[in-house]
Amino acid sequence: MKLPHLTSLILLPPPQDEKLPDAQIVEDWARGLDWVKWLLGSVRARSERLMVAGRPRLTVLAWEDFTENLLTDTIGPALKSAWECALAGDLEGLIEVDKTLSSQLPPELARLSARAGAILLKSTQHARYQAVLGRYREAVDQGRSAGHIAVVWAAVGHFFQLSLANVIAEYLHLEWDIATRDEARAIKPSGRLGIATLTGGVMRGVNAEPALRVVDA
């Protein structure tokens, strides 16, 4: 999917300090952005599955298993580290996050992750002035980095001036939407399994308790 005139989008910069955001801010950021859903449209359309198991019928247990294991131990830290590397313009850091994911993910999930990353890189290749995203793209093309979807998305999200909270939340929306594609009545989970709560948890770290209770919309 070619994205014309990407640099004409008007974006609001993230707050200066979002290390420990207010719970209401996390809730607002986690609601989902329509234009980001469009940006990730090619990944949604062409990926049969990402990290969430349970297709063709998703169960609450499958989502819970993902959030308590892969998200907490692997995907969440990768999203956070990759976004911070993109913010710092650290190409080697992005490559290192890719290497870590390749070593942590089971082979099948690593394959699906890299395939989804390749789709997103292709759909955003015409954006101009890509800075570290462009250098990372070259590293993936040259086979120096795996191009896992979490790393690609963090770099792309930073390029489009998305906050870390937005990047995490939109990744979770992507996982849920792909996993429930065949379930017309699927309703996004709430409470401790909700996207706002999970986003806050990833940002604060696996061992930290949220400062305030987050209520999903």
Protein backbone atom coordinates (compact mmCIF):
# COMPACT_ATOMS: atom_id res chain seq x y z
CA MET A 1 0.00 0.00 0.00
CA LYS A 2 1.63 3.25 -1.13
CA LEU A 3 1.13 6.18 1.19
CA PRO A 4 1.16 9.43 -0.85
CA HIS A 5 2.24 12.76 0.61
CA LEU A 6 2.92 11.31 4.04
CA THR A 7 4.90 14.33 5.14
CA SER A 8 1.88 16.59 4.71
CA LEU A 9 0.23 15.14 7.82
CA ILE A 10 -0.08 17.61 10.69
CA LEU A 11 0.91 15.90 13.90
CA LEU A 12 0.98 17.08 17.48
CA PRO A 13 4.27 16.45 19.32
CA PRO A 14 4.18 14.17 22.38
CA PRO A 15 4.51 15.67 25.85
CA GLN A 16 8.04 16.45 27.05
CA ASP A 17 7.97 13.88 29.86
CA GLU A 18 5.97 10.70 29.37
CA LYS A 19 7.99 8.25 31.45
CA LEU A 20 5.23 7.92 34.05
CA PRO A 21 2.15 9.51 32.49
CA ASP A 22 -1.07 10.22 34.32
CA ALA A 23 -3.55 7.35 34.06
CA GLN A 24 -6.10 9.53 32.26
CA ILE A 25 -3.48 10.49 29.67
CA VAL A 26 -2.69 6.81 29.06
CA GLU A 27 -6.40 6.10 28.67
CA ASP A 28 -6.77 8.90 26.11
CA TRP A 29 -3.69 7.80 24.16
CA ALA A 30 -4.90 4.19 24.12
CA ARG A 31 -8.26 4.90 22.47
CA GLY A 32 -6.80 4.49 18.99
CA LEU A 33 -6.15 6.93 16.16
CA ASP A 34 -8.03 6.55 12.87
CA TRP A 35 -5.13 7.67 10.69
CA VAL A 36 -2.79 5.21 12.43
CA LYS A 37 -5.27 2.42 11.75
CA TRP A 38 -5.03 3.44 8.08
CA LEU A 39 -1.23 3.52 8.28
CA LEU A 40 -1.21 -0.06 9.58
CA GLY A 41 -3.93 -1.17 7.17
CA SER A 42 -1.63 -3.23 4.97
CA VAL A 43 -0.36 -5.21 7.95
CA ARG A 44 -3.93 -5.87 9.11
CA ALA A 45 -5.00 -6.96 5.64
CA ARG A 46 -2.06 -9.21 4.84
CA SER A 47 -1.21 -10.82 8.19
CA GLU A 48 -3.07 -13.98 9.14
CA ARG A 49 -1.69 -13.79 12.66
CA LEU A 50 0.87 -11.97 14.77
CA MET A 51 1.64 -12.98 18.36
CA VAL A 52 -1.84 -13.82 19.68
CA ALA A 53 -2.76 -17.49 19.38
CA GLY A 54 -6.27 -18.86 19.23
CA ARG A 55 -7.35 -18.23 15.68
CA PRO A 56 -9.71 -18.83 13.99
CA ARG A 57 -11.60 -18.24 17.22
CA LEU A 58 -9.97 -16.00 19.78
CA THR A 59 -10.66 -16.72 23.43
CA VAL A 60 -10.08 -14.54 26.45
CA LEU A 61 -7.49 -17.08 27.56
CA ALA A 62 -5.48 -16.58 24.35
CA TRP A 63 -5.40 -12.80 24.85
CA GLU A 64 -4.57 -13.23 28.53
CA ASP A 65 -1.76 -15.65 27.70
CA PHE A 66 -0.30 -13.16 25.22
CA THR A 67 -0.50 -10.20 27.59
CA GLU A 68 0.95 -12.06 30.57
CA ASN A 69 3.76 -13.76 28.68
CA LEU A 70 4.87 -12.48 25.29
CA LEU A 71 3.77 -8.88 25.88
CA THR A 72 5.27 -8.66 29.36
CA ASP A 73 8.51 -10.52 28.68
CA THR A 74 9.26 -9.86 25.01
CA ILE A 75 7.08 -7.59 22.88
CA GLY A 76 6.48 -4.83 25.41
CA PRO A 77 10.16 -4.34 26.28
CA ALA A 78 11.03 -4.48 22.56
CA LEU A 79 8.51 -1.76 21.67
CA LYS A 80 9.80 0.44 24.48
CA SER A 81 13.49 -0.09 23.70
CA ALA A 82 13.03 0.35 19.95
CA TRP A 83 11.06 3.58 20.37
CA GLU A 84 13.75 4.96 22.66
CA CYS A 85 16.43 3.97 20.12
CA ALA A 86 14.50 5.71 17.34
CA LEU A 87 14.18 8.79 19.53
CA ALA A 88 17.96 8.81 20.02
CA GLY A 89 18.68 8.09 16.34
CA ASP A 90 20.42 4.89 17.44
CA LEU A 91 20.53 2.50 14.48
CA GLU A 92 22.73 -0.05 16.24
CA GLY A 93 20.27 -0.07 19.11
CA LEU A 94 17.39 -0.90 16.76
CA ILE A 95 19.45 -3.71 15.23
CA GLU A 96 20.20 -5.04 18.72
CA VAL A 97 16.49 -5.09 19.65
CA ASP A 98 15.84 -7.07 16.47
CA LYS A 99 18.55 -9.56 17.44
CA THR A 100 17.06 -9.96 20.90
CA LEU A 101 13.61 -10.64 19.46
CA SER A 102 15.03 -13.20 17.04
CA SER A 103 16.55 -15.06 19.98
CA GLN A 104 13.44 -14.83 22.17
CA LEU A 105 10.61 -15.65 19.76
CA PRO A 106 9.77 -19.20 18.70
CA PRO A 107 10.71 -19.77 15.02
CA GLU A 108 7.14 -19.55 13.69
CA LEU A 109 6.38 -16.34 15.57
CA ALA A 110 9.71 -14.88 14.47
CA ARG A 111 8.77 -15.61 10.86
CA LEU A 112 5.34 -14.01 11.21
CA SER A 113 6.86 -11.02 12.98
CA ALA A 114 9.47 -10.42 10.28
CA ARG A 115 6.89 -10.83 7.52
CA ALA A 116 4.60 -8.23 9.11
CA GLY A 117 7.58 -5.91 9.56
CA ALA A 118 8.44 -6.24 5.88
CA ILE A 119 4.87 -5.33 4.92
CA LEU A 120 4.99 -2.17 7.04
CA LEU A 121 8.41 -1.16 5.72
CA LYS A 122 7.19 -1.56 2.15
CA SER A 123 4.02 0.45 2.76
CA THR A 124 5.99 3.38 4.21
CA GLN A 125 8.95 3.35 1.84
CA HIS A 126 7.91 6.51 -0.04
CA ALA A 127 7.92 8.79 2.99
CA ARG A 128 10.61 11.46 2.75
CA TYR A 129 13.32 12.50 5.21
CA GLN A 130 13.21 9.21 7.11
CA ALA A 131 16.40 9.74 9.15
CA VAL A 132 17.04 6.72 11.40
CA LEU A 133 14.03 4.90 9.96
CA GLY A 134 15.65 5.12 6.52
CA ARG A 135 18.96 3.80 7.83
CA TYR A 136 17.16 1.00 9.64
CA ARG A 137 15.27 0.17 6.45
CA GLU A 138 18.60 -0.16 4.63
CA ALA A 139 19.93 -2.45 7.36
CA VAL A 140 16.90 -4.72 6.98
CA ASP A 141 17.20 -4.71 3.18
CA GLN A 142 20.87 -5.64 3.49
CA GLY A 143 20.08 -8.51 5.86
CA ARG A 144 21.81 -6.87 8.84
CA SER A 145 18.58 -6.72 10.85
CA ALA A 146 15.54 -8.97 10.99
CA GLY A 147 12.87 -6.28 10.74
CA HIS A 148 10.49 -7.58 13.40
CA ILE A 149 7.11 -5.83 13.44
CA ALA A 150 7.58 -4.43 16.96
CA VAL A 151 10.85 -2.75 16.00
CA VAL A 152 9.62 -1.56 12.61
CA TRP A 153 6.45 -0.17 14.13
CA ALA A 154 8.32 1.63 16.90
CA ALA A 155 10.62 3.26 14.33
CA VAL A 156 7.73 4.14 12.01
CA GLY A 157 5.65 5.42 14.92
CA HIS A 158 8.46 7.67 16.09
CA PHE A 159 8.94 8.95 12.53
CA PHE A 160 5.29 10.02 12.56
CA GLN A 161 5.82 11.70 15.95
CA LEU A 162 3.74 9.23 17.93
CA SER A 163 4.37 9.06 21.66
CA LEU A 164 5.59 5.85 23.22
CA ALA A 165 2.13 5.31 24.72
CA ASN A 166 0.55 5.65 21.28
CA VAL A 167 3.03 3.21 19.77
CA ILE A 168 2.31 0.58 22.43
CA ALA A 169 -1.46 1.05 22.33
CA GLU A 170 -1.67 0.94 18.53
CA TYR A 171 0.40 -2.23 18.47
CA LEU A 172 -2.09 -3.82 20.87
CA HIS A 173 -5.02 -2.64 18.74
CA LEU A 174 -3.28 -4.26 15.75
CA GLU A 175 -2.84 -7.58 17.56
CA TRP A 176 -6.45 -7.62 18.70
CA ASP A 177 -7.89 -6.65 15.32
CA ILE A 178 -5.93 -9.32 13.45
CA ALA A 179 -6.73 -12.01 16.02
CA THR A 180 -10.47 -11.25 15.95
CA ARG A 181 -10.81 -10.61 12.23
CA ASP A 182 -13.32 -13.45 11.85
CA GLU A 183 -15.30 -12.55 14.97
CA ALA A 184 -17.85 -9.91 14.02
CA ARG A 185 -19.02 -9.40 17.59
CA ALA A 186 -15.62 -9.33 19.28
CA ILE A 187 -15.38 -6.57 21.89
CA LYS A 188 -12.02 -5.28 23.01
CA PRO A 189 -11.22 -6.46 26.54
CA SER A 190 -11.37 -4.11 29.50
CA GLY A 191 -10.02 -4.00 33.02
CA ARG A 192 -6.64 -5.58 33.60
CA LEU A 193 -6.65 -7.03 30.06
CA GLY A 194 -7.71 -3.76 28.46
CA ILE A 195 -5.45 -1.85 26.08
CA ALA A 196 -5.16 1.24 28.31
CA THR A 197 -4.16 -0.82 31.35
CA LEU A 198 -1.70 -2.90 29.35
CA THR A 199 -0.19 0.20 27.76
CA GLY A 200 0.41 1.75 31.16
CA GLY A 201 1.92 -1.49 32.42
CA VAL A 202 4.43 -1.70 29.55
CA MET A 203 5.44 1.92 30.04
CA ARG A 204 5.96 1.54 33.77
CA GLY A 205 7.74 -1.79 33.60
CA VAL A 206 6.67 -5.30 34.46
CA ASN A 207 7.24 -4.96 38.20
CA ALA A 208 5.64 -1.57 38.79
CA GLU A 209 2.06 -1.09 39.85
CA PRO A 210 0.02 1.64 38.09
CA ALA A 211 -0.14 4.88 40.08
CA LEU A 212 -3.85 5.16 39.33
CA ARG A 213 -6.48 2.72 38.17
CA VAL A 214 -7.09 3.04 34.44
CA VAL A 215 -10.63 2.58 33.16
CA ASP A 216 -11.03 1.64 29.49
CA ALA A 217 -13.48 3.53 27.34
